[in-house]
Amino acid sequence: KERLRIPLDEGVARCRGPSRCSAGSSPVLSSAEEVWMHQRTQDWWDRVVGTWGRELWVSNFRMRQETFEMLCVRLSPILSYEDTTLRQPISVQKCVGVGLWWLATGAGYRTLAHLCGISAASVCLIVRVFCHAVRNEMMREYIKLPEGEELQTCVGAIDGSPIPVIAPLENHADYFNRKGWHSVILQAEIQGTQVPIMLLGDPAYPLRSWLMKGYPETGDLTKHHFNKRLSGARMTVECAFGRLKGRWRCLSKRLDVDISLVPTVISGCCTLHNICEKHNEAYSEDPSAAGPPDVPPGDVDPLGIADIQPLRIRETQYFAQQ
């Protein structure tokens, strides 16, 4: 049994047994009075998780045990705590496990607390510290713009995806989207198509020399053909959002955290997503996951315009010849 003894002279105690409290009087307590903590079991983490094979690791933590251990080593300086006279600290492995489980499922703090044998307050703190640790220690390494030769041939597709949040107390109207709920917008640029140096965007974006968007639908078959091919080229960002939300399900439901923590949670999920992709972690499409299905591999230059100047790409005469 875990218990915490609190001296009576500190004024922390409770009435129990034959003790009685009356209005205007102090409780009658014996010197042996104690405050007991809730009994919790560590069996699931200590005995069950250790028996998992690769499939269960990827299913529950979104990564293999080898990648999990790499995270533990990288984040150990931040997630390690010293022993105290009251109890042993929560291990780095359990902190990483709690953080990954919450991001992967969006489970309630109380549910995770019962599962891991810790308090709900500890789960809340671990999630916050874990997301900050991933963002501060690993984001710059796994989320960055291309450099050198990569920049000469790469282009990205840009898009935004709403992440549901609790309505903040201040300026809540600024977070209310056109779909009728509060959210923040995750905007991302995904590399993957060899065309002149520019970004491919949907109709919500303005047309720029460095950003290509489709024509308004007017019934023109040539413009419709261009829009269709452009949409196929920018499916990389749609698929990336689908895989991101498919792995980290907390992004597919309302984030029950303070609005100040939302950017950190999203940054942590994006960083962990890139870690999984870099380490070739398995991803299985789930009908309940947000986002479109994977696009089958195709031509590396779907628009066929790798040598065309950016400002001329949308010219009708060019596409009419295709």
Protein backbone atom coordinates (compact mmCIF):
# COMPACT_ATOMS: atom_id res chain seq x y z
CA LYS A 1 0.00 0.00 0.00
CA GLU A 2 1.16 3.50 -0.79
CA ARG A 3 0.58 6.04 1.92
CA LEU A 4 1.63 9.54 2.75
CA ARG A 5 2.00 10.45 6.43
CA ILE A 6 1.16 14.08 7.20
CA PRO A 7 1.97 15.52 10.66
CA LEU A 8 -1.07 16.71 12.54
CA ASP A 9 0.55 20.02 13.43
CA GLU A 10 0.35 21.00 9.75
CA GLY A 11 -3.42 21.00 10.00
CA VAL A 12 -4.01 18.29 7.35
CA ALA A 13 -6.14 15.41 8.62
CA ARG A 14 -9.61 13.94 8.39
CA CYS A 15 -12.22 12.54 10.72
CA ARG A 16 -12.73 8.78 10.76
CA GLY A 17 -13.69 5.95 13.11
CA PRO A 18 -15.05 7.12 16.45
CA SER A 19 -13.92 10.72 15.91
CA ARG A 20 -16.72 13.27 15.71
CA CYS A 21 -16.86 16.81 14.35
CA SER A 22 -19.30 19.39 15.63
CA ALA A 23 -20.02 22.92 14.55
CA GLY A 24 -17.48 25.35 15.89
CA SER A 25 -15.15 22.65 17.19
CA SER A 26 -12.00 20.93 15.94
CA PRO A 27 -11.96 17.23 15.03
CA VAL A 28 -10.87 14.80 17.72
CA LEU A 29 -7.96 12.82 16.26
CA SER A 30 -5.42 10.36 17.55
CA SER A 31 -1.68 10.64 16.99
CA ALA A 32 -1.83 7.62 14.69
CA GLU A 33 -4.10 9.39 12.17
CA GLU A 34 -2.95 8.87 8.56
CA VAL A 35 -3.99 9.98 5.10
CA TRP A 36 -4.02 7.08 2.63
CA MET A 37 -3.50 7.36 -1.10
CA HIS A 38 -5.62 5.58 -3.69
CA GLN A 39 -4.40 2.09 -4.41
CA ARG A 40 -3.23 1.71 -8.01
CA THR A 41 -1.84 -1.21 -9.98
CA GLN A 42 1.19 -1.13 -12.26
CA ASP A 43 0.52 -4.59 -13.71
CA TRP A 44 -0.50 -3.47 -17.18
CA TRP A 45 2.68 -1.47 -17.79
CA ASP A 46 5.06 -3.79 -15.92
CA ARG A 47 3.74 -7.14 -17.16
CA VAL A 48 1.55 -6.73 -20.24
CA VAL A 49 3.37 -4.15 -22.38
CA GLY A 50 6.62 -6.10 -22.11
CA THR A 51 5.01 -9.09 -23.84
CA TRP A 52 3.92 -7.17 -26.94
CA GLY A 53 5.24 -7.99 -30.38
CA ARG A 54 5.95 -5.52 -33.17
CA GLU A 55 2.35 -5.36 -34.39
CA LEU A 56 0.99 -4.37 -30.98
CA TRP A 57 3.71 -1.77 -30.49
CA VAL A 58 2.86 -0.10 -33.78
CA SER A 59 -0.88 -0.41 -33.18
CA ASN A 60 -0.76 1.20 -29.74
CA PHE A 61 2.27 3.50 -29.79
CA ARG A 62 2.41 4.06 -33.58
CA MET A 63 6.03 2.89 -33.72
CA ARG A 64 8.22 -0.13 -33.15
CA GLN A 65 9.94 -0.69 -29.83
CA GLU A 66 13.29 0.33 -31.35
CA THR A 67 11.96 3.77 -32.31
CA PHE A 68 10.24 4.04 -28.93
CA GLU A 69 13.55 3.41 -27.15
CA MET A 70 15.25 6.01 -29.36
CA LEU A 71 12.68 8.56 -28.22
CA CYS A 72 13.33 7.61 -24.59
CA VAL A 73 17.06 8.18 -24.99
CA ARG A 74 16.61 11.53 -26.76
CA LEU A 75 14.07 12.85 -24.24
CA SER A 76 15.61 11.33 -21.11
CA PRO A 77 17.34 14.57 -19.96
CA ILE A 78 13.95 16.32 -19.84
CA LEU A 79 11.69 13.51 -18.67
CA SER A 80 13.95 12.11 -15.92
CA TYR A 81 13.07 12.89 -12.31
CA GLU A 82 15.02 12.33 -9.10
CA ASP A 83 13.98 9.86 -6.40
CA THR A 84 12.28 11.27 -3.33
CA THR A 85 11.74 9.94 0.18
CA LEU A 86 8.06 9.40 -0.65
CA ARG A 87 8.22 7.23 -3.76
CA GLN A 88 10.13 6.39 -6.91
CA PRO A 89 9.65 8.73 -9.88
CA ILE A 90 7.70 7.76 -12.97
CA SER A 91 10.14 6.22 -15.45
CA VAL A 92 11.11 7.87 -18.73
CA GLN A 93 9.67 4.90 -20.61
CA LYS A 94 6.30 5.31 -18.94
CA CYS A 95 6.31 9.07 -19.59
CA VAL A 96 6.96 8.48 -23.30
CA GLY A 97 4.33 5.73 -23.36
CA VAL A 98 1.71 7.96 -21.73
CA GLY A 99 2.49 10.82 -24.10
CA LEU A 100 2.33 8.65 -27.22
CA TRP A 101 -0.85 6.88 -26.07
CA TRP A 102 -2.64 10.16 -25.43
CA LEU A 103 -1.62 11.63 -28.78
CA ALA A 104 -2.48 8.40 -30.60
CA THR A 105 -5.93 7.96 -29.05
CA GLY A 106 -7.01 11.21 -27.41
CA ALA A 107 -8.03 9.12 -24.39
CA GLY A 108 -9.15 10.87 -21.22
CA TYR A 109 -6.63 11.56 -18.48
CA ARG A 110 -8.57 9.40 -16.02
CA THR A 111 -8.58 6.44 -18.42
CA LEU A 112 -4.81 6.64 -18.89
CA ALA A 113 -4.33 7.08 -15.16
CA HIS A 114 -6.15 3.81 -14.39
CA LEU A 115 -4.31 2.05 -17.21
CA CYS A 116 -0.81 3.09 -16.11
CA GLY A 117 -1.33 3.15 -12.35
CA ILE A 118 -0.69 6.87 -11.87
CA SER A 119 -2.86 9.85 -11.01
CA ALA A 120 -4.86 11.83 -13.55
CA ALA A 121 -2.90 14.93 -12.54
CA SER A 122 0.33 13.12 -13.39
CA VAL A 123 -1.03 12.15 -16.81
CA CYS A 124 -1.96 15.78 -17.51
CA LEU A 125 1.53 16.96 -16.52
CA ILE A 126 3.28 14.21 -18.49
CA VAL A 127 1.36 15.02 -21.68
CA ARG A 128 2.29 18.69 -21.38
CA VAL A 129 5.97 18.04 -20.64
CA PHE A 130 6.25 15.33 -23.31
CA CYS A 131 4.82 17.55 -26.06
CA HIS A 132 7.13 20.41 -25.06
CA ALA A 133 10.11 18.04 -25.02
CA VAL A 134 9.38 16.67 -28.51
CA ARG A 135 8.86 20.16 -29.89
CA ASN A 136 11.94 21.73 -28.31
CA GLU A 137 14.37 18.83 -28.72
CA MET A 138 13.40 17.20 -32.03
CA MET A 139 11.24 19.47 -34.19
CA ARG A 140 14.13 21.36 -35.79
CA GLU A 141 15.72 18.07 -36.80
CA TYR A 142 12.64 16.48 -38.36
CA ILE A 143 10.70 19.50 -39.69
CA LYS A 144 12.79 21.78 -41.89
CA LEU A 145 12.91 23.34 -45.33
CA PRO A 146 14.97 21.69 -48.08
CA GLU A 147 18.49 22.94 -48.66
CA GLY A 148 21.13 22.87 -51.38
CA GLU A 149 20.41 20.56 -54.32
CA GLU A 150 17.03 19.54 -52.88
CA LEU A 151 15.80 23.12 -53.30
CA GLN A 152 16.62 23.17 -57.02
CA THR A 153 14.16 20.46 -58.00
CA CYS A 154 11.57 20.18 -55.22
CA VAL A 155 8.18 21.74 -54.83
CA GLY A 156 5.50 21.36 -52.21
CA ALA A 157 1.74 21.18 -51.99
CA ILE A 158 0.20 23.50 -49.41
CA ASP A 159 -3.10 23.10 -47.59
CA GLY A 160 -4.77 23.62 -44.24
CA SER A 161 -6.63 21.28 -41.92
CA PRO A 162 -8.85 22.35 -38.98
CA ILE A 163 -8.01 20.99 -35.53
CA PRO A 164 -10.98 21.16 -33.09
CA VAL A 165 -10.30 22.98 -29.82
CA ILE A 166 -12.16 24.16 -26.74
CA ALA A 167 -13.51 27.67 -27.18
CA PRO A 168 -10.97 29.98 -25.47
CA LEU A 169 -12.20 32.49 -22.92
CA GLU A 170 -10.71 35.42 -24.83
CA ASN A 171 -11.40 36.22 -28.50
CA HIS A 172 -13.33 32.98 -28.96
CA ALA A 173 -15.00 34.34 -32.11
CA ASP A 174 -11.61 34.36 -33.85
CA TYR A 175 -11.51 30.56 -33.59
CA PHE A 176 -15.03 29.94 -34.93
CA ASN A 177 -14.81 28.40 -38.39
CA ARG A 178 -17.27 28.29 -41.28
CA LYS A 179 -18.29 24.73 -40.34
CA GLY A 180 -19.76 25.92 -37.05
CA TRP A 181 -17.16 24.93 -34.43
CA HIS A 182 -14.00 26.29 -32.84
CA SER A 183 -10.67 25.24 -34.30
CA VAL A 184 -7.14 26.24 -35.17
CA ILE A 185 -5.76 25.74 -38.67
CA LEU A 186 -2.81 23.45 -39.25
CA GLN A 187 -1.18 24.60 -42.48
CA ALA A 188 1.52 22.42 -44.00
CA GLU A 189 3.71 22.26 -47.08
CA ILE A 190 4.51 18.76 -48.33
CA GLN A 191 7.36 17.97 -50.71
CA GLY A 192 6.93 15.40 -53.39
CA THR A 193 6.47 16.64 -56.98
CA GLN A 194 9.21 17.65 -59.41
CA VAL A 195 8.03 20.89 -61.05
CA PRO A 196 9.41 24.44 -61.07
CA ILE A 197 10.01 25.87 -57.62
CA MET A 198 6.53 26.74 -56.39
CA LEU A 199 3.76 25.53 -54.14
CA LEU A 200 0.50 23.96 -55.27
CA GLY A 201 -2.59 25.16 -53.42
CA ASP A 202 -6.36 24.78 -53.51
CA PRO A 203 -8.80 27.55 -54.54
CA ALA A 204 -8.60 29.15 -51.09
CA TYR A 205 -5.08 30.42 -51.86
CA PRO A 206 -4.18 33.42 -54.07
CA LEU A 207 -2.40 32.92 -57.38
CA ARG A 208 1.25 33.97 -57.11
CA SER A 209 4.40 33.43 -59.14
CA TRP A 210 5.47 30.96 -56.44
CA LEU A 211 2.01 29.51 -55.66
CA MET A 212 -0.17 27.75 -58.24
CA LYS A 213 -3.93 27.27 -57.90
CA GLY A 214 -6.63 26.00 -60.24
CA TYR A 215 -9.03 27.93 -62.45
CA PRO A 216 -12.57 28.77 -61.31
CA GLU A 217 -14.95 26.17 -62.74
CA THR A 218 -16.62 27.82 -65.76
CA GLY A 219 -17.31 24.77 -67.94
CA ASP A 220 -14.15 25.18 -70.00
CA LEU A 221 -12.89 21.64 -70.64
CA THR A 222 -9.26 22.70 -70.98
CA LYS A 223 -9.32 24.51 -67.64
CA HIS A 224 -11.19 21.59 -66.09
CA HIS A 225 -8.48 19.24 -67.36
CA PHE A 226 -5.81 21.44 -65.80
CA ASN A 227 -7.66 21.59 -62.47
CA LYS A 228 -7.97 17.82 -62.42
CA ARG A 229 -4.26 17.30 -63.00
CA LEU A 230 -3.34 20.00 -60.48
CA SER A 231 -5.60 18.36 -57.89
CA GLY A 232 -3.87 15.03 -58.49
CA ALA A 233 -0.47 16.65 -58.00
CA ARG A 234 -1.43 18.26 -54.69
CA MET A 235 -2.94 15.08 -53.26
CA THR A 236 0.37 14.57 -51.45
CA VAL A 237 -0.62 17.14 -48.82
CA GLU A 238 -4.11 15.65 -48.46
CA CYS A 239 -2.59 12.21 -47.90
CA ALA A 240 -0.09 13.63 -45.43
CA PHE A 241 -2.90 15.14 -43.37
CA GLY A 242 -4.76 11.83 -43.55
CA ARG A 243 -1.75 9.88 -42.29
CA LEU A 244 -1.02 12.50 -39.63
CA LYS A 245 -4.55 12.37 -38.20
CA GLY A 246 -4.71 8.61 -38.70
CA ARG A 247 -1.68 8.12 -36.47
CA TRP A 248 -2.40 10.81 -33.90
CA ARG A 249 -6.15 10.63 -33.32
CA CYS A 250 -6.16 13.43 -30.78
CA LEU A 251 -6.11 15.77 -33.81
CA SER A 252 -9.36 14.30 -35.14
CA LYS A 253 -11.38 15.24 -32.08
CA ARG A 254 -11.60 18.31 -29.91
CA LEU A 255 -8.34 18.96 -28.07
CA ASP A 256 -9.35 19.25 -24.43
CA VAL A 257 -6.34 21.37 -23.48
CA ASP A 258 -5.82 25.06 -22.91
CA ILE A 259 -5.53 27.03 -26.14
CA SER A 260 -1.96 28.01 -25.22
CA LEU A 261 -0.92 24.33 -25.38
CA VAL A 262 -2.57 23.58 -28.74
CA PRO A 263 0.38 24.71 -30.95
CA THR A 264 2.74 22.56 -28.87
CA VAL A 265 0.50 19.48 -29.18
CA ILE A 266 0.17 19.95 -32.95
CA SER A 267 3.92 20.54 -33.37
CA GLY A 268 4.64 17.43 -31.34
CA CYS A 269 2.30 15.34 -33.51
CA CYS A 270 3.87 16.65 -36.73
CA THR A 271 7.37 15.93 -35.42
CA LEU A 272 6.43 12.41 -34.31
CA HIS A 273 4.74 11.83 -37.68
CA ASN A 274 7.96 12.70 -39.51
CA ILE A 275 9.92 10.48 -37.13
CA CYS A 276 7.62 7.57 -37.98
CA GLU A 277 7.92 8.26 -41.69
CA LYS A 278 11.72 8.55 -41.54
CA HIS A 279 12.01 5.28 -39.62
CA ASN A 280 9.58 3.55 -42.03
CA GLU A 281 7.02 2.77 -39.37
CA ALA A 282 4.06 0.80 -40.65
CA TYR A 283 0.82 2.67 -41.27
CA SER A 284 -2.49 0.90 -41.79
CA GLU A 285 -5.43 2.77 -43.26
CA ASP A 286 -8.38 2.84 -40.87
CA PRO A 287 -11.90 3.80 -42.03
CA SER A 288 -12.31 5.89 -38.87
CA ALA A 289 -9.15 7.90 -39.56
CA ALA A 290 -9.50 11.38 -40.98
CA GLY A 291 -8.30 12.15 -44.48
CA PRO A 292 -8.39 10.54 -47.91
CA PRO A 293 -6.95 7.12 -48.82
CA ASP A 294 -3.42 6.76 -50.12
CA VAL A 295 -2.84 7.78 -53.70
CA PRO A 296 -1.28 5.03 -55.85
CA PRO A 297 2.24 5.78 -57.08
CA GLY A 298 2.30 7.45 -60.43
CA ASP A 299 4.33 9.71 -62.64
CA VAL A 300 6.95 11.72 -60.73
CA ASP A 301 5.96 14.70 -62.89
CA PRO A 302 2.15 14.41 -63.10
CA LEU A 303 1.75 17.85 -64.66
CA GLY A 304 4.49 17.28 -67.24
CA ILE A 305 5.76 20.82 -66.74
CA ALA A 306 9.14 20.49 -65.13
CA ASP A 307 10.76 22.82 -67.68
CA ILE A 308 7.99 25.40 -67.97
CA GLN A 309 8.32 28.85 -66.39
CA PRO A 310 6.05 29.31 -63.33
CA LEU A 311 4.13 32.28 -64.74
CA ARG A 312 3.27 30.38 -67.95
CA ILE A 313 2.07 27.12 -66.41
CA ARG A 314 -1.59 28.00 -66.45
CA GLU A 315 -1.65 29.20 -70.06
CA THR A 316 -4.50 27.56 -71.91
CA GLN A 317 -2.56 27.08 -75.12
CA TYR A 318 0.01 24.89 -73.36
CA PHE A 319 -2.56 22.57 -71.83
CA ALA A 320 -4.63 22.47 -74.98
CA GLN A 321 -1.68 20.80 -76.68
CA GLN A 322 -1.41 18.01 -74.11
